[in-house]
Amino acid sequence: MTDFLADFYNVDVLAGERISEQAVRASWNVAVGASAKGTLDCVQAWLTDFREDLPRIDVPTLIIHGDADRTLPIDSTAIPLARSIPGARLVTVPGGPHGLLWTHADEVNAALLAFLG
């Protein structure tokens, strides 16, 4: 879990600047408190292929993704997703890791307010 969270938040680059040790530790505490079986079993659910469903989405869609995401790289996930949902808006957060809600909260909030406005 420690290694996973290090990549989740890009701790080697963002520690002390955009993510605190306490925030990473809080995430670790939540993660290790989950069921070990559930944690392992959820990985199989990630493999569900929803690509055929995406063109049927007919509501305004905002996708926010960091360009430094090591968990789900933007080129493999958010960019194809945005192309598959009609009218989807993709906001790329420069330097954003997978855990960008912690590390880039101001950028995420600005994107949400612009989308909702």
C-alpha atoms as a PDB file:
ATOM      1  CA  MET A   1       0.000   0.000   0.000  1.00  0.00           C
ATOM      2  CA  THR A   2       2.905   2.334   0.715  1.00  0.00           C
ATOM      3  CA  ASP A   3       4.327   1.870  -2.783  1.00  0.00           C
ATOM      4  CA  PHE A   4       0.879   2.212  -4.359  1.00  0.00           C
ATOM      5  CA  LEU A   5       0.218   5.507  -2.568  1.00  0.00           C
ATOM      6  CA  ALA A   6       3.683   6.818  -3.436  1.00  0.00           C
ATOM      7  CA  ASP A   7       2.745   6.513  -7.112  1.00  0.00           C
ATOM      8  CA  PHE A   8      -0.885   7.534  -6.517  1.00  0.00           C
ATOM      9  CA  TYR A   9       0.307  10.932  -5.255  1.00  0.00           C
ATOM     10  CA  ASN A  10       3.705  11.096  -7.056  1.00  0.00           C
ATOM     11  CA  VAL A  11       5.247  11.559  -3.637  1.00  0.00           C
ATOM     12  CA  ASP A  12       8.795  11.635  -5.033  1.00  0.00           C
ATOM     13  CA  VAL A  13       7.910  14.851  -6.899  1.00  0.00           C
ATOM     14  CA  LEU A  14       5.072  16.427  -4.891  1.00  0.00           C
ATOM     15  CA  ALA A  15       5.831  15.604  -1.238  1.00  0.00           C
ATOM     16  CA  GLY A  16       5.969  18.645   0.992  1.00  0.00           C
ATOM     17  CA  GLU A  17       4.869  20.885  -1.848  1.00  0.00           C
ATOM     18  CA  ARG A  18       1.447  19.542  -2.864  1.00  0.00           C
ATOM     19  CA  ILE A  19       0.938  16.539  -0.598  1.00  0.00           C
ATOM     20  CA  SER A  20       1.865  16.198   3.051  1.00  0.00           C
ATOM     21  CA  GLU A  21       3.150  13.108   4.803  1.00  0.00           C
ATOM     22  CA  GLN A  22       0.050  13.323   6.999  1.00  0.00           C
ATOM     23  CA  ALA A  23      -2.300  13.210   3.986  1.00  0.00           C
ATOM     24  CA  VAL A  24      -0.502  10.175   2.577  1.00  0.00           C
ATOM     25  CA  ARG A  25      -0.588   8.521   5.997  1.00  0.00           C
ATOM     26  CA  ALA A  26      -4.330   9.238   6.296  1.00  0.00           C
ATOM     27  CA  SER A  27      -4.889   7.557   2.926  1.00  0.00           C
ATOM     28  CA  TRP A  28      -2.782   4.606   4.050  1.00  0.00           C
ATOM     29  CA  ASN A  29      -4.824   4.291   7.248  1.00  0.00           C
ATOM     30  CA  VAL A  30      -8.078   4.211   5.290  1.00  0.00           C
ATOM     31  CA  ALA A  31      -6.695   1.731   2.761  1.00  0.00           C
ATOM     32  CA  VAL A  32      -5.347  -0.769   5.262  1.00  0.00           C
ATOM     33  CA  GLY A  33      -8.593  -0.589   7.212  1.00  0.00           C
ATOM     34  CA  ALA A  34     -10.455  -2.031   4.223  1.00  0.00           C
ATOM     35  CA  SER A  35     -11.113  -5.712   3.810  1.00  0.00           C
ATOM     36  CA  ALA A  36      -8.032  -7.436   2.383  1.00  0.00           C
ATOM     37  CA  LYS A  37     -10.290  -9.703   0.306  1.00  0.00           C
ATOM     38  CA  GLY A  38     -12.345  -6.761  -0.955  1.00  0.00           C
ATOM     39  CA  THR A  39      -9.204  -4.828  -1.818  1.00  0.00           C
ATOM     40  CA  LEU A  40      -7.894  -7.686  -3.937  1.00  0.00           C
ATOM     41  CA  ASP A  41     -11.280  -8.597  -5.439  1.00  0.00           C
ATOM     42  CA  CYS A  42     -11.986  -5.029  -6.590  1.00  0.00           C
ATOM     43  CA  VAL A  43      -9.125  -5.247  -9.071  1.00  0.00           C
ATOM     44  CA  GLN A  44     -11.160  -7.698 -11.164  1.00  0.00           C
ATOM     45  CA  ALA A  45     -13.986  -5.138 -11.393  1.00  0.00           C
ATOM     46  CA  TRP A  46     -11.575  -2.611 -12.925  1.00  0.00           C
ATOM     47  CA  LEU A  47     -11.266  -4.920 -15.916  1.00  0.00           C
ATOM     48  CA  THR A  48     -14.951  -4.559 -16.858  1.00  0.00           C
ATOM     49  CA  ASP A  49     -15.163  -3.199 -20.392  1.00  0.00           C
ATOM     50  CA  PHE A  50     -17.749  -0.409 -20.672  1.00  0.00           C
ATOM     51  CA  ARG A  51     -16.560   0.970 -24.034  1.00  0.00           C
ATOM     52  CA  GLU A  52     -19.754  -0.003 -25.871  1.00  0.00           C
ATOM     53  CA  ASP A  53     -21.824   1.953 -23.342  1.00  0.00           C
ATOM     54  CA  LEU A  54     -19.887   5.215 -23.630  1.00  0.00           C
ATOM     55  CA  PRO A  55     -21.428   6.559 -26.876  1.00  0.00           C
ATOM     56  CA  ARG A  56     -24.864   6.324 -25.237  1.00  0.00           C
ATOM     57  CA  ILE A  57     -23.977   8.852 -22.540  1.00  0.00           C
ATOM     58  CA  ASP A  58     -26.101  11.896 -23.332  1.00  0.00           C
ATOM     59  CA  VAL A  59     -25.492  14.225 -20.402  1.00  0.00           C
ATOM     60  CA  PRO A  60     -22.791  16.870 -20.014  1.00  0.00           C
ATOM     61  CA  THR A  61     -19.608  15.051 -19.073  1.00  0.00           C
ATOM     62  CA  LEU A  62     -16.465  16.442 -17.488  1.00  0.00           C
ATOM     63  CA  ILE A  63     -13.307  14.367 -17.303  1.00  0.00           C
ATOM     64  CA  ILE A  64     -10.491  15.754 -15.145  1.00  0.00           C
ATOM     65  CA  HIS A  65      -7.186  13.928 -15.372  1.00  0.00           C
ATOM     66  CA  GLY A  66      -3.589  14.643 -14.469  1.00  0.00           C
ATOM     67  CA  ASP A  67      -0.932  14.343 -17.132  1.00  0.00           C
ATOM     68  CA  ALA A  68       1.450  12.777 -14.600  1.00  0.00           C
ATOM     69  CA  ASP A  69      -0.921   9.981 -13.523  1.00  0.00           C
ATOM     70  CA  ARG A  70       1.182   6.852 -12.964  1.00  0.00           C
ATOM     71  CA  THR A  71      -1.780   4.693 -11.959  1.00  0.00           C
ATOM     72  CA  LEU A  72      -3.922   5.244 -15.081  1.00  0.00           C
ATOM     73  CA  PRO A  73      -1.908   7.202 -17.650  1.00  0.00           C
ATOM     74  CA  ILE A  74      -3.892   9.866 -19.478  1.00  0.00           C
ATOM     75  CA  ASP A  75      -3.030   8.584 -22.965  1.00  0.00           C
ATOM     76  CA  SER A  76      -4.500   5.177 -22.143  1.00  0.00           C
ATOM     77  CA  THR A  77      -7.544   6.320 -20.204  1.00  0.00           C
ATOM     78  CA  ALA A  78      -8.863   9.889 -20.176  1.00  0.00           C
ATOM     79  CA  ILE A  79      -8.056  10.809 -23.777  1.00  0.00           C
ATOM     80  CA  PRO A  80      -9.769   7.751 -25.300  1.00  0.00           C
ATOM     81  CA  LEU A  81     -12.627   8.165 -22.807  1.00  0.00           C
ATOM     82  CA  ALA A  82     -13.190  11.780 -23.859  1.00  0.00           C
ATOM     83  CA  ARG A  83     -13.216  10.723 -27.520  1.00  0.00           C
ATOM     84  CA  SER A  84     -15.816   8.035 -26.786  1.00  0.00           C
ATOM     85  CA  ILE A  85     -18.372  10.218 -24.991  1.00  0.00           C
ATOM     86  CA  PRO A  86     -20.160  12.660 -27.282  1.00  0.00           C
ATOM     87  CA  GLY A  87     -19.445  16.250 -26.254  1.00  0.00           C
ATOM     88  CA  ALA A  88     -17.286  15.297 -23.281  1.00  0.00           C
ATOM     89  CA  ARG A  89     -14.974  17.967 -21.956  1.00  0.00           C
ATOM     90  CA  LEU A  90     -11.476  16.861 -20.927  1.00  0.00           C
ATOM     91  CA  VAL A  91      -9.503  19.047 -18.550  1.00  0.00           C
ATOM     92  CA  THR A  92      -5.865  18.048 -18.262  1.00  0.00           C
ATOM     93  CA  VAL A  93      -4.156  19.068 -15.036  1.00  0.00           C
ATOM     94  CA  PRO A  94      -0.431  19.652 -15.640  1.00  0.00           C
ATOM     95  CA  GLY A  95       1.649  17.620 -13.208  1.00  0.00           C
ATOM     96  CA  GLY A  96      -1.444  16.013 -11.724  1.00  0.00           C
ATOM     97  CA  PRO A  97      -1.088  12.500 -10.328  1.00  0.00           C
ATOM     98  CA  HIS A  98      -3.913  10.003  -9.883  1.00  0.00           C
ATOM     99  CA  GLY A  99      -4.633  11.510  -6.462  1.00  0.00           C
ATOM    100  CA  LEU A 100      -5.028  15.013  -7.853  1.00  0.00           C
ATOM    101  CA  LEU A 101      -8.016  15.803  -5.637  1.00  0.00           C
ATOM    102  CA  TRP A 102      -5.479  16.200  -2.830  1.00  0.00           C
ATOM    103  CA  THR A 103      -2.541  17.553  -4.774  1.00  0.00           C
ATOM    104  CA  HIS A 104      -4.294  19.886  -7.211  1.00  0.00           C
ATOM    105  CA  ALA A 105      -7.535  20.767  -5.420  1.00  0.00           C
ATOM    106  CA  ASP A 106      -7.547  24.368  -6.667  1.00  0.00           C
ATOM    107  CA  GLU A 107      -7.253  23.274 -10.287  1.00  0.00           C
ATOM    108  CA  VAL A 108      -9.941  20.611  -9.863  1.00  0.00           C
ATOM    109  CA  ASN A 109     -12.311  23.066  -8.162  1.00  0.00           C
ATOM    110  CA  ALA A 110     -11.758  25.656 -10.905  1.00  0.00           C
ATOM    111  CA  ALA A 111     -12.522  23.063 -13.585  1.00  0.00           C
ATOM    112  CA  LEU A 112     -15.674  21.956 -11.753  1.00  0.00           C
ATOM    113  CA  LEU A 113     -16.912  25.524 -11.300  1.00  0.00           C
ATOM    114  CA  ALA A 114     -16.234  26.370 -14.951  1.00  0.00           C
ATOM    115  CA  PHE A 115     -18.081  23.241 -16.060  1.00  0.00           C
ATOM    116  CA  LEU A 116     -21.057  23.855 -13.786  1.00  0.00           C
ATOM    117  CA  GLY A 117     -21.155  27.580 -14.527  1.00  0.00           C
END
